Amino acid sequence: MDNKVLQVIVALFIPPLAVYMKTGKIDNDFWINIVATLLGGFPGVLHALWVILR
């Protein structure tokens, strides 16, 4: 299984972990995703997918 496919699967369930897996560090994208996930699961998933697929 490709690493990007695994990240997309993780993004559906634990978006901040997927962002961390992609960037490898706790940066602005990680914190934005934490806030988006806390505001509602769907915004966190969308942001995680955007980070992974850009």
N, C-alpha and C. Protein backbone atom coordinates (compact mmCIF):
# COMPACT_ATOMS: atom_id res chain seq x y z
N MET A 1 0.85 -1.19 0.00
CA MET A 1 0.00 0.00 0.00
C MET A 1 0.89 1.24 0.00
N ASP A 2 0.56 2.18 -0.84
CA ASP A 2 1.33 3.41 -0.95
C ASP A 2 1.16 4.25 0.32
N ASN A 3 2.19 5.00 0.67
CA ASN A 3 2.16 5.83 1.87
C ASN A 3 1.06 6.88 1.79
N LYS A 4 0.82 7.46 0.63
CA LYS A 4 -0.21 8.48 0.47
C LYS A 4 -1.60 7.87 0.69
N VAL A 5 -1.80 6.65 0.23
CA VAL A 5 -3.09 5.97 0.43
C VAL A 5 -3.31 5.74 1.92
N LEU A 6 -2.29 5.32 2.63
CA LEU A 6 -2.39 5.12 4.07
C LEU A 6 -2.71 6.43 4.78
N GLN A 7 -2.09 7.52 4.37
CA GLN A 7 -2.36 8.82 4.97
C GLN A 7 -3.80 9.26 4.73
N VAL A 8 -4.34 9.00 3.56
CA VAL A 8 -5.73 9.36 3.28
C VAL A 8 -6.68 8.55 4.16
N ILE A 9 -6.39 7.27 4.33
CA ILE A 9 -7.22 6.44 5.20
C ILE A 9 -7.17 6.94 6.64
N VAL A 10 -5.98 7.27 7.12
CA VAL A 10 -5.84 7.80 8.48
C VAL A 10 -6.56 9.14 8.60
N ALA A 11 -6.52 9.95 7.56
CA ALA A 11 -7.16 11.27 7.59
C ALA A 11 -8.67 11.17 7.79
N LEU A 12 -9.26 10.09 7.35
CA LEU A 12 -10.71 9.92 7.52
C LEU A 12 -11.09 9.67 8.97
N PHE A 13 -10.16 9.12 9.76
CA PHE A 13 -10.47 8.74 11.14
C PHE A 13 -9.77 9.62 12.17
N ILE A 14 -8.50 9.96 11.92
CA ILE A 14 -7.71 10.78 12.86
C ILE A 14 -6.95 11.83 12.04
N PRO A 15 -7.63 12.91 11.66
CA PRO A 15 -7.01 13.91 10.77
C PRO A 15 -5.69 14.49 11.28
N PRO A 16 -5.56 14.86 12.57
CA PRO A 16 -4.27 15.43 12.99
C PRO A 16 -3.10 14.46 12.84
N LEU A 17 -3.34 13.18 13.07
CA LEU A 17 -2.28 12.20 12.89
C LEU A 17 -1.85 12.12 11.44
N ALA A 18 -2.79 12.20 10.53
CA ALA A 18 -2.45 12.17 9.10
C ALA A 18 -1.61 13.38 8.70
N VAL A 19 -1.95 14.55 9.25
CA VAL A 19 -1.16 15.75 8.95
C VAL A 19 0.25 15.59 9.51
N TYR A 20 0.36 15.05 10.72
CA TYR A 20 1.68 14.83 11.31
C TYR A 20 2.48 13.82 10.50
N MET A 21 1.81 12.77 10.02
CA MET A 21 2.50 11.77 9.20
C MET A 21 3.04 12.41 7.92
N LYS A 22 2.29 13.34 7.35
CA LYS A 22 2.71 13.98 6.10
C LYS A 22 3.87 14.95 6.32
N THR A 23 3.74 15.82 7.35
CA THR A 23 4.74 16.86 7.54
C THR A 23 5.94 16.38 8.36
N GLY A 24 5.71 15.43 9.26
CA GLY A 24 6.80 14.92 10.08
C GLY A 24 7.17 15.82 11.23
N LYS A 25 6.39 16.88 11.44
CA LYS A 25 6.67 17.80 12.54
C LYS A 25 5.38 18.47 12.97
N ILE A 26 5.41 19.05 14.16
CA ILE A 26 4.25 19.78 14.66
C ILE A 26 4.43 21.23 14.25
N ASP A 27 3.71 21.62 13.20
CA ASP A 27 3.84 22.97 12.66
C ASP A 27 2.46 23.61 12.56
N ASN A 28 2.36 24.69 11.81
CA ASN A 28 1.09 25.41 11.69
C ASN A 28 -0.02 24.54 11.11
N ASP A 29 0.30 23.73 10.12
CA ASP A 29 -0.72 22.86 9.53
C ASP A 29 -1.30 21.91 10.57
N PHE A 30 -0.45 21.39 11.45
CA PHE A 30 -0.92 20.49 12.51
C PHE A 30 -1.89 21.20 13.43
N TRP A 31 -1.51 22.40 13.89
CA TRP A 31 -2.37 23.13 14.83
C TRP A 31 -3.67 23.60 14.18
N ILE A 32 -3.60 24.00 12.92
CA ILE A 32 -4.82 24.37 12.20
C ILE A 32 -5.75 23.16 12.11
N ASN A 33 -5.17 21.99 11.88
CA ASN A 33 -5.98 20.80 11.78
C ASN A 33 -6.59 20.41 13.12
N ILE A 34 -5.86 20.60 14.21
CA ILE A 34 -6.41 20.33 15.54
C ILE A 34 -7.64 21.21 15.77
N VAL A 35 -7.52 22.50 15.47
CA VAL A 35 -8.65 23.42 15.66
C VAL A 35 -9.81 23.05 14.74
N ALA A 36 -9.52 22.75 13.49
CA ALA A 36 -10.58 22.38 12.55
C ALA A 36 -11.28 21.09 12.98
N THR A 37 -10.53 20.15 13.52
CA THR A 37 -11.13 18.90 13.99
C THR A 37 -11.99 19.14 15.21
N LEU A 38 -11.55 20.01 16.10
CA LEU A 38 -12.34 20.31 17.30
C LEU A 38 -13.62 21.07 16.96
N LEU A 39 -13.59 21.86 15.89
CA LEU A 39 -14.79 22.61 15.48
C LEU A 39 -15.82 21.71 14.80
N GLY A 40 -15.40 20.56 14.43
CA GLY A 40 -16.28 19.60 13.75
C GLY A 40 -15.39 18.65 12.97
N GLY A 41 -15.69 17.40 12.98
CA GLY A 41 -14.82 16.42 12.35
C GLY A 41 -14.59 16.66 10.87
N PHE A 42 -15.63 17.08 10.16
CA PHE A 42 -15.53 17.23 8.71
C PHE A 42 -14.52 18.29 8.28
N PRO A 43 -14.48 19.48 8.91
CA PRO A 43 -13.45 20.45 8.51
C PRO A 43 -12.03 19.91 8.72
N GLY A 44 -11.84 19.15 9.77
CA GLY A 44 -10.52 18.56 10.01
C GLY A 44 -10.14 17.56 8.94
N VAL A 45 -11.10 16.76 8.50
CA VAL A 45 -10.85 15.80 7.43
C VAL A 45 -10.51 16.52 6.13
N LEU A 46 -11.28 17.56 5.81
CA LEU A 46 -11.00 18.32 4.58
C LEU A 46 -9.62 18.95 4.61
N HIS A 47 -9.25 19.53 5.74
CA HIS A 47 -7.93 20.15 5.84
C HIS A 47 -6.83 19.10 5.72
N ALA A 48 -7.01 17.97 6.37
CA ALA A 48 -6.00 16.90 6.30
C ALA A 48 -5.83 16.41 4.87
N LEU A 49 -6.94 16.22 4.17
CA LEU A 49 -6.85 15.78 2.78
C LEU A 49 -6.16 16.84 1.91
N TRP A 50 -6.44 18.10 2.18
CA TRP A 50 -5.78 19.18 1.43
C TRP A 50 -4.27 19.16 1.66
N VAL A 51 -3.85 18.97 2.92
CA VAL A 51 -2.42 18.93 3.23
C VAL A 51 -1.76 17.73 2.55
N ILE A 52 -2.42 16.59 2.58
CA ILE A 52 -1.84 15.37 2.02
C ILE A 52 -1.75 15.44 0.50
N LEU A 53 -2.78 15.95 -0.14
CA LEU A 53 -2.86 15.89 -1.60
C LEU A 53 -2.29 17.11 -2.32
N ARG A 54 -1.85 18.13 -1.60
CA ARG A 54 -1.32 19.31 -2.29
C ARG A 54 0.06 19.08 -2.82
